[in-house]
C-alpha atoms as a PDB file:
ATOM      1  CA  UNK A   1      64.188 154.074  49.459  1.00  0.00           C
ATOM      2  CA  UNK A   2      66.797 152.146  51.432  1.00  0.00           C
ATOM      3  CA  UNK A   3      67.396 152.826  55.082  1.00  0.00           C
ATOM      4  CA  UNK A   4      70.730 154.357  56.019  1.00  0.00           C
ATOM      5  CA  UNK A   5      73.411 151.908  57.215  1.00  0.00           C
ATOM      6  CA  UNK A   6      73.655 151.521  60.966  1.00  0.00           C
ATOM      7  CA  UNK A   7      76.233 153.701  62.584  1.00  0.00           C
ATOM      8  CA  UNK A   8      79.048 152.036  64.413  1.00  0.00           C
ATOM      9  CA  UNK A   9      79.959 153.215  67.803  1.00  0.00           C
ATOM     10  CA  UNK A  10      83.587 153.204  68.668  1.00  0.00           C
ATOM     11  CA  UNK A  11      84.380 151.134  71.714  1.00  0.00           C
ATOM     12  CA  UNK A  12      86.201 152.970  74.360  1.00  0.00           C
ATOM     13  CA  UNK A  13      88.654 151.321  76.667  1.00  0.00           C
ATOM     14  CA  UNK A  14      88.240 151.602  80.371  1.00  0.00           C
ATOM     15  CA  UNK A  15      90.313 154.318  81.911  1.00  0.00           C
ATOM     16  CA  UNK A  16      93.384 153.800  84.071  1.00  0.00           C
ATOM     17  CA  UNK A  17      92.558 152.180  87.383  1.00  0.00           C
ATOM     18  CA  UNK A  18      89.222 150.814  86.168  1.00  0.00           C
ATOM     19  CA  UNK A  19      90.355 147.197  86.648  1.00  0.00           C
ATOM     20  CA  UNK A  20      91.186 147.887  90.294  1.00  0.00           C
ATOM     21  CA  UNK A  21      87.885 149.686  90.786  1.00  0.00           C
ATOM     22  CA  UNK A  22      86.014 146.716  89.365  1.00  0.00           C
ATOM     23  CA  UNK A  23      88.051 144.290  91.479  1.00  0.00           C
ATOM     24  CA  UNK A  24      87.096 146.261  94.587  1.00  0.00           C
ATOM     25  CA  UNK A  25      83.397 146.106  93.723  1.00  0.00           C
ATOM     26  CA  UNK A  26      83.028 142.677  92.079  1.00  0.00           C
ATOM     27  CA  UNK A  27      84.433 139.833  94.156  1.00  0.00           C
ATOM     28  CA  UNK A  28      84.844 136.217  93.189  1.00  0.00           C
ATOM     29  CA  UNK A  29      82.551 133.894  95.122  1.00  0.00           C
ATOM     30  CA  UNK A  30      84.159 132.311  98.187  1.00  0.00           C
ATOM     31  CA  UNK A  31      82.834 128.903  97.317  1.00  0.00           C
ATOM     32  CA  UNK A  32      82.486 127.676  93.771  1.00  0.00           C
ATOM     33  CA  UNK A  33      78.948 127.531  92.395  1.00  0.00           C
ATOM     34  CA  UNK A  34      77.330 124.096  92.830  1.00  0.00           C
ATOM     35  CA  UNK A  35      77.556 123.341  89.114  1.00  0.00           C
ATOM     36  CA  UNK A  36      81.277 124.153  88.815  1.00  0.00           C
ATOM     37  CA  UNK A  37      83.777 121.330  88.238  1.00  0.00           C
ATOM     38  CA  UNK A  38      85.426 122.081  91.598  1.00  0.00           C
ATOM     39  CA  UNK A  39      82.144 121.750  93.483  1.00  0.00           C
ATOM     40  CA  UNK A  40      81.251 118.544  91.654  1.00  0.00           C
ATOM     41  CA  UNK A  41      84.697 117.065  92.384  1.00  0.00           C
ATOM     42  CA  UNK A  42      84.300 117.982  96.056  1.00  0.00           C
ATOM     43  CA  UNK A  43      80.848 116.363  96.156  1.00  0.00           C
ATOM     44  CA  UNK A  44      82.189 113.201  94.487  1.00  0.00           C
ATOM     45  CA  UNK A  45      85.086 113.007  96.932  1.00  0.00           C
ATOM     46  CA  UNK A  46      82.665 113.404  99.831  1.00  0.00           C
ATOM     47  CA  UNK A  47      80.543 110.501  98.549  1.00  0.00           C
ATOM     48  CA  UNK A  48      83.598 108.265  98.110  1.00  0.00           C
ATOM     49  CA  UNK A  49      85.032 109.229 101.508  1.00  0.00           C
ATOM     50  CA  UNK A  50      81.687 108.459 103.161  1.00  0.00           C
ATOM     51  CA  UNK A  51      81.614 105.038 101.466  1.00  0.00           C
ATOM     52  CA  UNK A  52      85.199 104.268 102.528  1.00  0.00           C
ATOM     53  CA  UNK A  53      84.557 105.396 106.108  1.00  0.00           C
ATOM     54  CA  UNK A  54      81.664 103.027 106.763  1.00  0.00           C
ATOM     55  CA  UNK A  55      82.320 100.124 109.075  1.00  0.00           C
ATOM     56  CA  UNK A  56      80.653  97.748 106.639  1.00  0.00           C
ATOM     57  CA  UNK A  57      83.149  98.508 103.865  1.00  0.00           C
ATOM     58  CA  UNK A  58      86.089  97.679 106.104  1.00  0.00           C
ATOM     59  CA  UNK A  59      84.245  94.641 107.456  1.00  0.00           C
ATOM     60  CA  UNK A  60      83.596  93.227 103.995  1.00  0.00           C
ATOM     61  CA  UNK A  61      87.210  93.612 102.985  1.00  0.00           C
ATOM     62  CA  UNK A  62      88.409  92.027 106.239  1.00  0.00           C
ATOM     63  CA  UNK A  63      85.959  89.127 106.000  1.00  0.00           C
ATOM     64  CA  UNK A  64      87.318  88.069 102.625  1.00  0.00           C
ATOM     65  CA  UNK A  65      90.976  88.936 103.185  1.00  0.00           C
ATOM     66  CA  UNK A  66      92.888  85.665 103.250  1.00  0.00           C
ATOM     67  CA  UNK A  67      89.766  83.564 102.713  1.00  0.00           C
ATOM     68  CA  UNK A  68      90.672  80.088 101.567  1.00  0.00           C
ATOM     69  CA  UNK A  69      89.775  76.474 102.247  1.00  0.00           C
ATOM     70  CA  UNK A  70      91.704  76.564 105.537  1.00  0.00           C
ATOM     71  CA  UNK A  71      89.222  79.083 106.962  1.00  0.00           C
ATOM     72  CA  UNK A  72      86.365  76.707 106.180  1.00  0.00           C
ATOM     73  CA  UNK A  73      88.374  73.797 107.581  1.00  0.00           C
ATOM     74  CA  UNK A  74      88.970  75.735 110.805  1.00  0.00           C
ATOM     75  CA  UNK A  75      85.232  76.375 111.152  1.00  0.00           C
ATOM     76  CA  UNK A  76      84.581  72.646 110.768  1.00  0.00           C
ATOM     77  CA  UNK A  77      87.332  71.721 113.246  1.00  0.00           C
ATOM     78  CA  UNK A  78      86.044  74.210 115.810  1.00  0.00           C
ATOM     79  CA  UNK A  79      82.519  72.840 115.462  1.00  0.00           C
ATOM     80  CA  UNK A  80      83.843  69.287 115.923  1.00  0.00           C
ATOM     81  CA  UNK A  81      85.746  70.364 119.055  1.00  0.00           C
ATOM     82  CA  UNK A  82      82.524  71.669 120.593  1.00  0.00           C
ATOM     83  CA  UNK A  83      80.487  68.654 119.540  1.00  0.00           C
ATOM     84  CA  UNK A  84      78.566  70.504 116.819  1.00  0.00           C
ATOM     85  CA  UNK A  85      77.957  69.451 113.247  1.00  0.00           C
ATOM     86  CA  UNK A  86      81.008  70.509 111.172  1.00  0.00           C
ATOM     87  CA  UNK A  87      79.057  70.574 107.902  1.00  0.00           C
ATOM     88  CA  UNK A  88      76.442  72.861 109.454  1.00  0.00           C
ATOM     89  CA  UNK A  89      79.189  75.171 110.761  1.00  0.00           C
ATOM     90  CA  UNK A  90      80.751  75.463 107.309  1.00  0.00           C
ATOM     91  CA  UNK A  91      77.315  75.952 105.773  1.00  0.00           C
ATOM     92  CA  UNK A  92      76.559  78.719 108.289  1.00  0.00           C
ATOM     93  CA  UNK A  93      79.892  80.458 107.566  1.00  0.00           C
ATOM     94  CA  UNK A  94      79.389  80.261 103.793  1.00  0.00           C
ATOM     95  CA  UNK A  95      75.819  81.561 104.172  1.00  0.00           C
ATOM     96  CA  UNK A  96      77.061  84.528 106.200  1.00  0.00           C
ATOM     97  CA  UNK A  97      79.758  85.313 103.618  1.00  0.00           C
ATOM     98  CA  UNK A  98      77.163  85.121 100.834  1.00  0.00           C
ATOM     99  CA  UNK A  99      74.962  87.615 102.739  1.00  0.00           C
ATOM    100  CA  UNK A 100      77.956  89.929 103.080  1.00  0.00           C
ATOM    101  CA  UNK A 101      78.625  89.688  99.344  1.00  0.00           C
ATOM    102  CA  UNK A 102      75.005  90.585  98.625  1.00  0.00           C
ATOM    103  CA  UNK A 103      75.130  93.567 101.008  1.00  0.00           C
ATOM    104  CA  UNK A 104      78.412  94.680  99.440  1.00  0.00           C
ATOM    105  CA  UNK A 105      76.853  94.468  95.964  1.00  0.00           C
ATOM    106  CA  UNK A 106      73.889  96.538  97.151  1.00  0.00           C
ATOM    107  CA  UNK A 107      76.215  99.136  98.693  1.00  0.00           C
ATOM    108  CA  UNK A 108      78.175  99.413  95.437  1.00  0.00           C
ATOM    109  CA  UNK A 109      74.896 100.055  93.609  1.00  0.00           C
ATOM    110  CA  UNK A 110      74.040 102.770  96.141  1.00  0.00           C
ATOM    111  CA  UNK A 111      77.526 104.225  95.669  1.00  0.00           C
ATOM    112  CA  UNK A 112      76.936 104.399  91.918  1.00  0.00           C
ATOM    113  CA  UNK A 113      73.626 106.188  92.405  1.00  0.00           C
ATOM    114  CA  UNK A 114      75.167 108.628  94.891  1.00  0.00           C
ATOM    115  CA  UNK A 115      78.069 109.373  92.541  1.00  0.00           C
ATOM    116  CA  UNK A 116      75.664 109.948  89.654  1.00  0.00           C
ATOM    117  CA  UNK A 117      73.619 112.343  91.778  1.00  0.00           C
ATOM    118  CA  UNK A 118      76.752 114.174  92.961  1.00  0.00           C
ATOM    119  CA  UNK A 119      77.915 114.515  89.351  1.00  0.00           C
ATOM    120  CA  UNK A 120      74.560 116.135  88.569  1.00  0.00           C
ATOM    121  CA  UNK A 121      73.790 113.627  85.803  1.00  0.00           C
ATOM    122  CA  UNK A 122      77.064 114.447  84.015  1.00  0.00           C
ATOM    123  CA  UNK A 123      79.521 111.701  83.100  1.00  0.00           C
ATOM    124  CA  UNK A 124      81.738 110.757  86.019  1.00  0.00           C
ATOM    125  CA  UNK A 125      85.316 112.000  85.931  1.00  0.00           C
ATOM    126  CA  UNK A 126      87.767 109.204  85.270  1.00  0.00           C
ATOM    127  CA  UNK A 127      89.127 109.183  88.831  1.00  0.00           C
ATOM    128  CA  UNK A 128      85.622 108.701  90.297  1.00  0.00           C
ATOM    129  CA  UNK A 129      84.752 105.993  87.767  1.00  0.00           C
ATOM    130  CA  UNK A 130      88.040 104.236  88.608  1.00  0.00           C
ATOM    131  CA  UNK A 131      87.151 104.275  92.307  1.00  0.00           C
ATOM    132  CA  UNK A 132      83.802 102.623  91.546  1.00  0.00           C
ATOM    133  CA  UNK A 133      85.392 100.062  89.232  1.00  0.00           C
ATOM    134  CA  UNK A 134      88.008  99.267  91.887  1.00  0.00           C
ATOM    135  CA  UNK A 135      85.305  98.536  94.442  1.00  0.00           C
ATOM    136  CA  UNK A 136      83.547  96.301  91.903  1.00  0.00           C
ATOM    137  CA  UNK A 137      86.797  94.401  91.312  1.00  0.00           C
ATOM    138  CA  UNK A 138      87.343  93.949  95.060  1.00  0.00           C
ATOM    139  CA  UNK A 139      83.881  92.439  95.445  1.00  0.00           C
ATOM    140  CA  UNK A 140      84.378  90.138  92.464  1.00  0.00           C
ATOM    141  CA  UNK A 141      87.726  88.989  93.864  1.00  0.00           C
ATOM    142  CA  UNK A 142      86.052  88.285  97.206  1.00  0.00           C
ATOM    143  CA  UNK A 143      83.340  86.288  95.432  1.00  0.00           C
ATOM    144  CA  UNK A 144      85.964  84.322  93.525  1.00  0.00           C
ATOM    145  CA  UNK A 145      87.895  83.628  96.735  1.00  0.00           C
ATOM    146  CA  UNK A 146      84.722  82.273  98.350  1.00  0.00           C
ATOM    147  CA  UNK A 147      83.936  80.023  95.380  1.00  0.00           C
ATOM    148  CA  UNK A 148      87.481  78.660  95.300  1.00  0.00           C
ATOM    149  CA  UNK A 149      87.523  78.115  99.072  1.00  0.00           C
ATOM    150  CA  UNK A 150      84.289  76.122  98.870  1.00  0.00           C
ATOM    151  CA  UNK A 151      85.523  74.018  95.954  1.00  0.00           C
ATOM    152  CA  UNK A 152      88.891  73.311  97.587  1.00  0.00           C
ATOM    153  CA  UNK A 153      87.335  72.572 100.976  1.00  0.00           C
ATOM    154  CA  UNK A 154      84.974  69.990  99.532  1.00  0.00           C
ATOM    155  CA  UNK A 155      87.016  68.587  96.651  1.00  0.00           C
ATOM    156  CA  UNK A 156      90.692  69.451  97.140  1.00  0.00           C
ATOM    157  CA  UNK A 157      92.944  71.488  94.834  1.00  0.00           C
ATOM    158  CA  UNK A 158      91.527  72.655  91.548  1.00  0.00           C
ATOM    159  CA  UNK A 159      93.103  71.058  88.466  1.00  0.00           C
ATOM    160  CA  UNK A 160      93.214  74.273  86.429  1.00  0.00           C
ATOM    161  CA  UNK A 161      95.681  76.091  88.685  1.00  0.00           C
ATOM    162  CA  UNK A 162      98.540  77.718  86.798  1.00  0.00           C
ATOM    163  CA  UNK A 163     101.956  76.179  87.324  1.00  0.00           C
ATOM    164  CA  UNK A 164     104.633  78.623  88.443  1.00  0.00           C
ATOM    165  CA  UNK A 165     107.229  77.641  85.801  1.00  0.00           C
ATOM    166  CA  UNK A 166     105.718  79.566  82.885  1.00  0.00           C
ATOM    167  CA  UNK A 167     107.800  82.413  81.478  1.00  0.00           C
ATOM    168  CA  UNK A 168     104.897  84.857  81.494  1.00  0.00           C
END
């Protein structure tokens, strides 16, 4: 013998005013849950703002802004004026800039770990990934400026510089 087919219950709509009654009883949370996209975006922005607000970040950018062979030449000239070894002064300056580059690299790694934690192991949104990539590019440009300043200070202009008369 086969069992009887299940009976279907008709769904009944909520009566008039039920939506308002539910709205009065059930309220949306004031803050988004910690796993919501809004909360994750807020956490990512907080991490990036904290990174930008540190004195070291501004110091690194300032230290390499306008760095060229003239800066190294000025360090040597100042050392000469005070009777110190100009080569040692340039070496000290370059060593300090290298330490700053290393600290900057470490801070970018920490930024990446903090962003990953704030994203709760989800892929970073494009805007957050762009912010990290931008900081990487800034550090690489600073590194390149230091290398070029050292080469120009010791050996003069580099032969592979692009002439300005190219149409592109």
